[in-house]
């Protein structure tokens, strides 16, 4: 494969003034030694008005669900139409639900009968799984000033979501976790928190684990909302930080790069895995160092802003480390491969046992196809999912949601 690094470097130097004026392109450390993988062309593209911010895709059975406008908490010009997509394994829409909202739709949470989604205007929505028809809506009030977190959980017949700045007779405080009837949309319980929550919800060992931005860790009974325990992560949690399960422990990254392991039954801290930021840390960096984390039956995979993916065994020892040239946007842990998407738009598959690269593809950007080594945004991509031989990729800044036919492994 011919190296494109020299041409890229000249392009970066020649277009640096225009790049900075257009939104802050920056050159990725080490990309002058990286060859661009071959391009994958999308076969379908979905756009979300002028805001191409989408949730990460969620695969359930043979359907991929994607929420439009994830993370958008208010609109300066009032409400706008947002969409929830249900995609077939081919990438074709099974149905599209549309809803006029003052903020976007968060990460979908499908069940056998319904698809639940929080919104940026403090409403929780329930859609029919097969048709996309709206079944009910729970309104927490404060629809302009307040918003819900991106993540939503389901336990039996209870939907759990976080609410910020509500205006509701039964909700007290600025930050609350609520349990809502999955069948009727009626409020069942509410638990007040000390700080906002975005992605920091997880269901581990029959306990709702809540991680606040301030670093408080709370275990909540999903049936009653009672606090089972409370702990301190000894550091703040980024808005993308989400608890995952691995080897009987819960794991969540702090903003400083430390991944904390805890007991889901008591909140007791069990372990800490440190990620080194490296010597080129940007002083202006304000988002979390670990941008992606996945647990499987075999290992815990951690992706960071320096482009590394590290695999840890159950005892906390390092199995392998992959050193990529650009920050990791999302990970997927499969039995045959570990998928990694970086902020260049390169999708890479790694061998689960060794971390060796088995194959990689560069995803096309509509503004400029040659982005191998250039990053138009620090959070350009929101997530990805593979279903059969289709790759579904979502973006946060001027990218949209796209599906790619993934070639079969040779």
Protein backbone atom coordinates (compact mmCIF):
# COMPACT_ATOMS: atom_id res chain seq x y z
CA UNK A 1 0.00 0.00 0.00
CA UNK A 2 1.42 3.40 -0.97
CA UNK A 3 2.11 5.75 1.93
CA UNK A 4 0.09 8.95 1.79
CA UNK A 5 1.82 10.54 4.77
CA UNK A 6 4.03 12.99 2.81
CA UNK A 7 1.13 14.28 0.73
CA UNK A 8 -0.98 14.55 3.87
CA UNK A 9 1.70 16.47 5.72
CA UNK A 10 2.06 18.95 2.86
CA UNK A 11 -1.73 19.29 2.74
CA UNK A 12 -1.88 20.01 6.45
CA UNK A 13 0.85 22.66 6.25
CA UNK A 14 -0.64 24.30 3.20
CA UNK A 15 -4.18 24.41 4.56
CA UNK A 16 -3.42 25.12 8.22
CA UNK A 17 -4.83 28.66 8.22
CA UNK A 18 -8.06 27.60 6.54
CA UNK A 19 -8.32 24.57 8.83
CA UNK A 20 -8.04 26.63 12.00
CA UNK A 21 -10.56 29.14 10.74
CA UNK A 22 -12.97 26.35 9.89
CA UNK A 23 -13.10 24.78 13.33
CA UNK A 24 -9.69 23.68 14.57
CA UNK A 25 -8.03 20.90 12.60
CA UNK A 26 -4.98 19.56 14.37
CA UNK A 27 -2.29 17.13 13.31
CA UNK A 28 -2.27 13.80 15.08
CA UNK A 29 0.92 12.74 16.85
CA UNK A 30 2.81 10.13 14.91
CA UNK A 31 0.59 10.18 11.80
CA UNK A 32 3.59 10.93 9.52
CA UNK A 33 4.50 7.25 9.81
CA UNK A 34 1.02 5.83 9.20
CA UNK A 35 -0.33 4.54 5.91
CA UNK A 36 -3.97 5.26 5.17
CA UNK A 37 -6.07 2.11 5.04
CA UNK A 38 -8.29 1.57 2.02
CA UNK A 39 -11.56 3.49 1.90
CA UNK A 40 -14.98 2.09 2.65
CA UNK A 41 -17.81 3.87 0.88
CA UNK A 42 -21.12 4.23 2.76
CA UNK A 43 -24.17 2.77 1.08
CA UNK A 44 -26.67 4.74 3.19
CA UNK A 45 -26.49 8.08 4.96
CA UNK A 46 -28.85 9.67 7.48
CA UNK A 47 -28.73 13.33 8.44
CA UNK A 48 -30.20 15.09 11.47
CA UNK A 49 -31.13 18.58 10.27
CA UNK A 50 -28.21 20.96 10.92
CA UNK A 51 -27.14 18.98 13.99
CA UNK A 52 -25.45 15.74 12.98
CA UNK A 53 -25.16 14.45 16.52
CA UNK A 54 -26.37 10.89 16.94
CA UNK A 55 -26.35 8.37 19.74
CA UNK A 56 -24.12 5.35 19.50
CA UNK A 57 -25.94 2.56 17.64
CA UNK A 58 -27.57 -0.11 19.80
CA UNK A 59 -27.95 -3.64 18.39
CA UNK A 60 -30.77 -5.78 19.73
CA UNK A 61 -31.56 -9.07 18.03
CA UNK A 62 -31.58 -8.23 14.30
CA UNK A 63 -32.27 -4.49 14.59
CA UNK A 64 -30.02 -1.46 15.06
CA UNK A 65 -31.50 1.53 16.93
CA UNK A 66 -30.06 5.05 16.66
CA UNK A 67 -31.30 8.25 18.30
CA UNK A 68 -30.91 11.63 16.61
CA UNK A 69 -29.52 14.63 18.45
CA UNK A 70 -28.03 12.75 21.41
CA UNK A 71 -26.42 15.20 23.81
CA UNK A 72 -28.28 18.25 22.51
CA UNK A 73 -29.96 19.66 25.62
CA UNK A 74 -31.66 22.78 24.30
CA UNK A 75 -32.35 24.66 21.08
CA UNK A 76 -31.81 28.40 20.89
CA UNK A 77 -34.46 28.64 18.19
CA UNK A 78 -37.11 26.52 19.95
CA UNK A 79 -38.04 22.94 19.18
CA UNK A 80 -36.97 20.89 16.19
CA UNK A 81 -37.82 17.53 14.66
CA UNK A 82 -35.60 14.66 15.81
CA UNK A 83 -35.70 11.04 14.70
CA UNK A 84 -35.29 7.57 16.13
CA UNK A 85 -34.15 5.05 13.52
CA UNK A 86 -34.74 1.30 13.54
CA UNK A 87 -32.47 -0.24 10.90
CA UNK A 88 -32.51 -3.69 9.33
CA UNK A 89 -29.24 -5.68 9.18
CA UNK A 90 -28.83 -4.34 5.65
CA UNK A 91 -28.94 -0.75 6.92
CA UNK A 92 -32.37 -0.10 5.42
CA UNK A 93 -34.83 1.64 7.77
CA UNK A 94 -37.37 -0.68 9.32
CA UNK A 95 -39.19 2.38 10.67
CA UNK A 96 -38.43 6.00 11.52
CA UNK A 97 -40.10 7.73 14.48
CA UNK A 98 -40.20 11.53 14.43
CA UNK A 99 -40.70 13.79 17.42
CA UNK A 100 -40.57 17.57 17.75
CA UNK A 101 -38.37 18.34 20.77
CA UNK A 102 -36.37 21.15 22.34
CA UNK A 103 -33.45 18.69 22.74
CA UNK A 104 -32.27 15.51 21.05
CA UNK A 105 -33.01 11.81 21.58
CA UNK A 106 -30.54 9.86 23.74
CA UNK A 107 -29.23 6.31 23.44
CA UNK A 108 -32.16 3.95 22.71
CA UNK A 109 -32.93 1.13 25.11
CA UNK A 110 -34.90 -1.63 23.33
CA UNK A 111 -36.88 -4.42 25.00
CA UNK A 112 -39.06 -7.16 23.53
CA UNK A 113 -42.06 -4.82 23.28
CA UNK A 114 -40.80 -1.24 23.33
CA UNK A 115 -37.90 1.10 22.70
CA UNK A 116 -37.23 3.69 25.42
CA UNK A 117 -35.25 6.88 25.00
CA UNK A 118 -34.46 9.91 27.13
CA UNK A 119 -34.44 13.37 25.58
CA UNK A 120 -32.71 16.71 25.97
CA UNK A 121 -35.98 18.36 26.99
CA UNK A 122 -36.57 16.26 30.12
CA UNK A 123 -39.06 13.84 28.61
CA UNK A 124 -38.84 10.05 28.54
CA UNK A 125 -40.36 8.41 25.47
CA UNK A 126 -41.65 4.87 24.85
CA UNK A 127 -42.07 3.63 21.27
CA UNK A 128 -43.63 0.43 19.99
CA UNK A 129 -40.81 -1.93 19.05
CA UNK A 130 -42.36 -3.16 15.80
CA UNK A 131 -43.95 0.01 14.42
CA UNK A 132 -42.18 2.97 16.04
CA UNK A 133 -45.48 4.42 17.23
CA UNK A 134 -45.29 6.51 20.41
CA UNK A 135 -46.97 4.65 23.31
CA UNK A 136 -46.42 7.10 26.16
CA UNK A 137 -44.38 10.06 27.34
CA UNK A 138 -43.19 10.93 30.85
CA UNK A 139 -42.66 14.68 31.22
CA UNK A 140 -40.36 15.76 34.08
CA UNK A 141 -40.94 19.46 33.36
CA UNK A 142 -38.29 22.12 32.93
CA UNK A 143 -38.26 21.32 29.24
CA UNK A 144 -36.06 24.26 28.23
CA UNK A 145 -33.73 24.64 31.21
CA UNK A 146 -33.58 20.94 32.13
CA UNK A 147 -32.60 17.77 30.33
CA UNK A 148 -32.23 14.04 30.83
CA UNK A 149 -28.97 12.14 30.64
CA UNK A 150 -28.17 10.19 27.48
CA UNK A 151 -28.45 6.71 29.02
CA UNK A 152 -31.65 4.80 29.92
CA UNK A 153 -31.95 1.44 31.72
CA UNK A 154 -34.73 -1.13 32.05
CA UNK A 155 -35.23 -3.59 34.92
CA UNK A 156 -38.33 -5.79 34.69
CA UNK A 157 -41.19 -3.26 34.33
CA UNK A 158 -39.22 -0.21 35.44
CA UNK A 159 -37.42 2.28 33.19
CA UNK A 160 -34.61 4.23 34.86
CA UNK A 161 -33.36 7.62 33.66
CA UNK A 162 -31.53 10.63 35.09
CA UNK A 163 -33.23 14.04 35.20
CA UNK A 164 -31.56 17.44 35.56
CA UNK A 165 -33.38 20.65 36.60
CA UNK A 166 -36.92 19.20 36.53
CA UNK A 167 -40.13 21.11 37.16
CA UNK A 168 -42.40 18.38 38.52
CA UNK A 169 -44.53 18.21 41.67
CA UNK A 170 -43.05 14.87 42.74
CA UNK A 171 -39.39 15.60 41.94
CA UNK A 172 -37.19 17.52 44.36
CA UNK A 173 -33.68 18.82 43.77
CA UNK A 174 -31.76 19.67 40.62
CA UNK A 175 -30.43 16.17 39.90
CA UNK A 176 -32.63 13.09 40.23
CA UNK A 177 -32.74 9.47 39.09
CA UNK A 178 -36.29 8.29 38.37
CA UNK A 179 -37.97 4.93 37.97
CA UNK A 180 -40.94 4.95 35.60
CA UNK A 181 -43.45 2.20 34.81
CA UNK A 182 -42.42 0.62 31.50
CA UNK A 183 -46.00 -0.20 30.57
CA UNK A 184 -47.79 3.00 31.64
CA UNK A 185 -45.16 5.74 31.90
CA UNK A 186 -46.10 6.60 35.49
CA UNK A 187 -43.51 7.75 38.04
CA UNK A 188 -42.73 5.00 40.59
CA UNK A 189 -39.83 6.46 42.56
CA UNK A 190 -37.20 9.20 42.56
CA UNK A 191 -33.75 9.43 44.17
CA UNK A 192 -31.99 12.77 44.58
CA UNK A 193 -28.31 13.11 43.62
CA UNK A 194 -25.55 15.61 44.35
CA UNK A 195 -24.50 16.25 40.73
CA UNK A 196 -25.65 15.70 37.11
CA UNK A 197 -25.53 12.36 35.30
CA UNK A 198 -25.19 11.81 31.55
CA UNK A 199 -23.94 8.33 30.54
CA UNK A 200 -23.24 7.29 34.12
CA UNK A 201 -25.97 4.66 34.50
CA UNK A 202 -25.44 0.92 34.54
CA UNK A 203 -27.36 -2.17 35.67
CA UNK A 204 -24.88 -4.43 37.46
CA UNK A 205 -25.80 -7.43 39.63
CA UNK A 206 -29.46 -6.36 39.88
CA UNK A 207 -28.40 -2.91 41.10
CA UNK A 208 -28.70 0.41 39.28
CA UNK A 209 -25.23 1.94 39.51
CA UNK A 210 -25.22 5.74 39.18
CA UNK A 211 -21.98 7.68 38.62
CA UNK A 212 -22.29 11.46 38.93
CA UNK A 213 -20.00 13.99 37.30
CA UNK A 214 -18.67 14.86 40.77
CA UNK A 215 -17.43 11.28 41.27
CA UNK A 216 -20.11 10.01 43.61
CA UNK A 217 -21.05 6.36 43.05
CA UNK A 218 -24.52 5.29 44.19
CA UNK A 219 -26.19 1.87 44.17
CA UNK A 220 -29.99 2.06 43.81
CA UNK A 221 -32.66 -0.62 44.14
CA UNK A 222 -34.37 -0.66 40.70
CA UNK A 223 -37.73 -1.65 42.19
CA UNK A 224 -38.00 0.93 44.99
CA UNK A 225 -35.36 3.59 44.33
CA UNK A 226 -33.85 3.03 47.79
CA UNK A 227 -30.13 3.64 48.14
CA UNK A 228 -28.28 0.40 48.78
CA UNK A 229 -24.85 1.99 49.15
CA UNK A 230 -22.81 5.09 48.30
CA UNK A 231 -19.13 5.41 47.43
CA UNK A 232 -16.54 7.94 46.31
CA UNK A 233 -14.48 7.51 43.15
CA UNK A 234 -11.97 10.11 44.45
CA UNK A 235 -12.11 12.00 41.18
CA UNK A 236 -14.61 13.44 38.68
CA UNK A 237 -16.29 11.46 35.90
CA UNK A 238 -16.53 12.69 32.32
CA UNK A 239 -19.96 13.11 30.72
CA UNK A 240 -19.29 9.97 28.62
CA UNK A 241 -18.19 7.83 31.58
CA UNK A 242 -20.36 4.72 31.88
CA UNK A 243 -20.12 1.74 34.27
CA UNK A 244 -19.39 -1.64 32.66
CA UNK A 245 -19.20 -5.15 34.09
CA UNK A 246 -16.15 -7.41 33.91
CA UNK A 247 -14.93 -10.34 36.03
CA UNK A 248 -17.53 -9.77 38.75
CA UNK A 249 -16.66 -6.10 39.25
CA UNK A 250 -18.01 -2.83 37.95
CA UNK A 251 -15.57 -0.52 36.15
CA UNK A 252 -15.77 3.17 35.35
CA UNK A 253 -13.17 5.67 34.08
CA UNK A 254 -12.39 8.93 35.86
CA UNK A 255 -11.44 12.07 33.97
CA UNK A 256 -7.79 11.72 34.99
CA UNK A 257 -7.48 8.40 33.14
CA UNK A 258 -7.79 6.07 36.13
CA UNK A 259 -10.22 3.17 35.62
CA UNK A 260 -11.78 2.26 38.96
CA UNK A 261 -13.03 -1.23 39.76
CA UNK A 262 -15.71 -1.60 42.43
CA UNK A 263 -17.99 -4.17 44.05
CA UNK A 264 -21.52 -3.77 42.56
CA UNK A 265 -23.06 -5.14 45.78
CA UNK A 266 -21.42 -2.65 48.17
CA UNK A 267 -19.66 0.05 46.17
CA UNK A 268 -16.31 -0.85 47.76
CA UNK A 269 -13.32 0.07 45.59
CA UNK A 270 -11.47 -3.08 44.53
CA UNK A 271 -8.89 -1.96 42.00
CA UNK A 272 -7.49 0.98 40.03
CA UNK A 273 -6.01 0.78 36.55
CA UNK A 274 -3.97 3.84 35.59
CA UNK A 275 -3.77 5.17 32.03
CA UNK A 276 -0.78 7.44 31.35
CA UNK A 277 -1.67 10.58 29.44
CA UNK A 278 1.83 10.78 27.94
CA UNK A 279 4.13 13.75 27.43
CA UNK A 280 2.00 15.61 24.87
CA UNK A 281 -1.07 16.25 27.03
CA UNK A 282 -2.85 19.38 25.83
CA UNK A 283 -3.33 21.95 28.56
CA UNK A 284 -6.78 22.79 27.19
CA UNK A 285 -8.00 19.20 27.50
CA UNK A 286 -11.20 19.16 29.52
CA UNK A 287 -12.87 15.90 28.50
CA UNK A 288 -12.16 12.50 29.98
CA UNK A 289 -8.96 10.72 29.02
CA UNK A 290 -10.66 7.35 28.51
CA UNK A 291 -13.19 7.73 25.72
CA UNK A 292 -14.27 4.11 25.27
CA UNK A 293 -14.43 1.01 27.43
CA UNK A 294 -15.93 -2.44 26.93
CA UNK A 295 -16.00 -5.60 28.98
CA UNK A 296 -16.28 -9.13 27.60
CA UNK A 297 -16.12 -12.61 29.09
CA UNK A 298 -12.36 -12.62 28.51
CA UNK A 299 -10.98 -9.10 29.03
CA UNK A 300 -11.60 -5.44 29.80
CA UNK A 301 -10.76 -3.17 26.86
CA UNK A 302 -9.90 0.48 27.49
CA UNK A 303 -9.39 3.07 24.73
CA UNK A 304 -7.91 6.50 25.45
CA UNK A 305 -7.16 9.88 23.90
CA UNK A 306 -3.57 8.93 23.05
CA UNK A 307 -4.85 6.29 20.64
CA UNK A 308 -4.11 3.29 22.84
CA UNK A 309 -6.33 0.28 23.37
CA UNK A 310 -5.31 -1.79 26.41
CA UNK A 311 -6.66 -5.24 27.23
CA UNK A 312 -6.71 -6.22 30.92
CA UNK A 313 -7.17 -9.69 32.39
CA UNK A 314 -9.37 -10.41 35.41
CA UNK A 315 -6.48 -9.90 37.87
CA UNK A 316 -5.82 -6.40 36.50
CA UNK A 317 -2.68 -7.40 34.59
CA UNK A 318 -2.14 -6.07 31.10
CA UNK A 319 -2.72 -8.63 28.35
CA UNK A 320 -1.72 -6.45 25.42
CA UNK A 321 -1.65 -2.88 24.20
CA UNK A 322 -2.37 -1.50 20.74
CA UNK A 323 -0.79 1.91 20.04
CA UNK A 324 -2.82 3.79 17.44
CA UNK A 325 -2.12 7.28 16.03
CA UNK A 326 -5.40 8.99 16.99
CA UNK A 327 -7.77 9.15 19.93
CA UNK A 328 -10.19 6.26 20.33
CA UNK A 329 -13.85 7.15 19.73
CA UNK A 330 -15.55 3.81 20.35
CA UNK A 331 -14.89 0.13 20.98
CA UNK A 332 -16.77 -3.10 20.38
CA UNK A 333 -15.74 -6.36 22.05
CA UNK A 334 -16.61 -9.48 20.05
CA UNK A 335 -15.55 -13.09 20.32
CA UNK A 336 -13.64 -13.01 17.02
CA UNK A 337 -12.37 -9.42 17.00
CA UNK A 338 -12.11 -6.23 19.03
CA UNK A 339 -13.33 -3.33 16.91
CA UNK A 340 -11.88 0.16 17.43
CA UNK A 341 -12.98 3.40 15.79
CA UNK A 342 -10.62 6.37 16.08
CA UNK A 343 -11.25 10.06 15.46
CA UNK A 344 -9.58 9.99 12.05
CA UNK A 345 -12.48 7.82 10.98
CA UNK A 346 -10.43 4.61 10.79
CA UNK A 347 -12.16 1.37 11.83
CA UNK A 348 -9.63 -1.24 13.00
CA UNK A 349 -10.15 -4.87 14.01
CA UNK A 350 -7.76 -6.34 16.59
CA UNK A 351 -7.10 -9.95 17.55
CA UNK A 352 -8.64 -10.50 21.04
CA UNK A 353 -5.71 -12.60 22.30
CA UNK A 354 -2.79 -10.54 20.98
CA UNK A 355 -4.01 -7.08 19.96
CA UNK A 356 -2.56 -7.56 16.47
CA UNK A 357 -4.31 -5.67 13.66
CA UNK A 358 -6.23 -8.02 11.39
CA UNK A 359 -7.65 -5.33 9.08
CA UNK A 360 -8.51 -1.63 8.94
CA UNK A 361 -10.68 0.67 6.81
CA UNK A 362 -10.88 4.44 6.43
CA UNK A 363 -14.45 5.77 6.48
CA UNK A 364 -15.20 8.50 3.97
CA UNK A 365 -15.89 12.05 5.18
CA UNK A 366 -18.18 14.04 2.87
CA UNK A 367 -16.12 17.23 3.34
CA UNK A 368 -12.83 15.63 2.36
CA UNK A 369 -12.05 12.00 1.75
CA UNK A 370 -8.40 12.36 2.79
CA UNK A 371 -8.66 12.54 6.58
CA UNK A 372 -6.15 9.87 7.51
CA UNK A 373 -4.07 11.79 10.03
CA UNK A 374 -6.33 14.87 10.26
CA UNK A 375 -9.03 15.25 12.88
CA UNK A 376 -11.76 17.85 12.20
CA UNK A 377 -13.09 17.50 15.76
CA UNK A 378 -12.01 16.00 19.06
CA UNK A 379 -15.39 14.24 19.30
CA UNK A 380 -16.22 13.72 15.66
CA UNK A 381 -17.55 10.16 15.99
CA UNK A 382 -20.16 9.00 18.48
CA UNK A 383 -20.05 5.24 18.16
CA UNK A 384 -20.39 2.22 15.91
CA UNK A 385 -21.92 -1.23 15.79
CA UNK A 386 -21.58 -4.25 13.53
CA UNK A 387 -24.49 -6.48 12.63
CA UNK A 388 -23.89 -9.35 10.26
CA UNK A 389 -21.76 -7.68 7.55
CA UNK A 390 -22.99 -4.13 8.05
CA UNK A 391 -21.04 -1.45 9.92
CA UNK A 392 -23.21 1.34 11.38
CA UNK A 393 -21.25 4.47 12.35
CA UNK A 394 -22.58 7.62 13.98
CA UNK A 395 -21.02 11.05 14.37
CA UNK A 396 -21.36 14.07 16.63
CA UNK A 397 -20.12 16.92 14.46
CA UNK A 398 -21.05 17.23 10.77
CA UNK A 399 -20.89 13.54 10.03
CA UNK A 400 -24.36 12.02 10.31
CA UNK A 401 -25.16 8.33 10.62
CA UNK A 402 -23.99 5.92 7.94
CA UNK A 403 -23.98 2.25 7.10
CA UNK A 404 -21.13 0.49 5.34
CA UNK A 405 -21.05 -2.98 3.76
CA UNK A 406 -18.19 -4.61 5.69
CA UNK A 407 -16.15 -6.97 3.52
CA UNK A 408 -15.97 -10.54 4.71
CA UNK A 409 -12.63 -11.44 6.35
CA UNK A 410 -10.23 -13.12 3.97
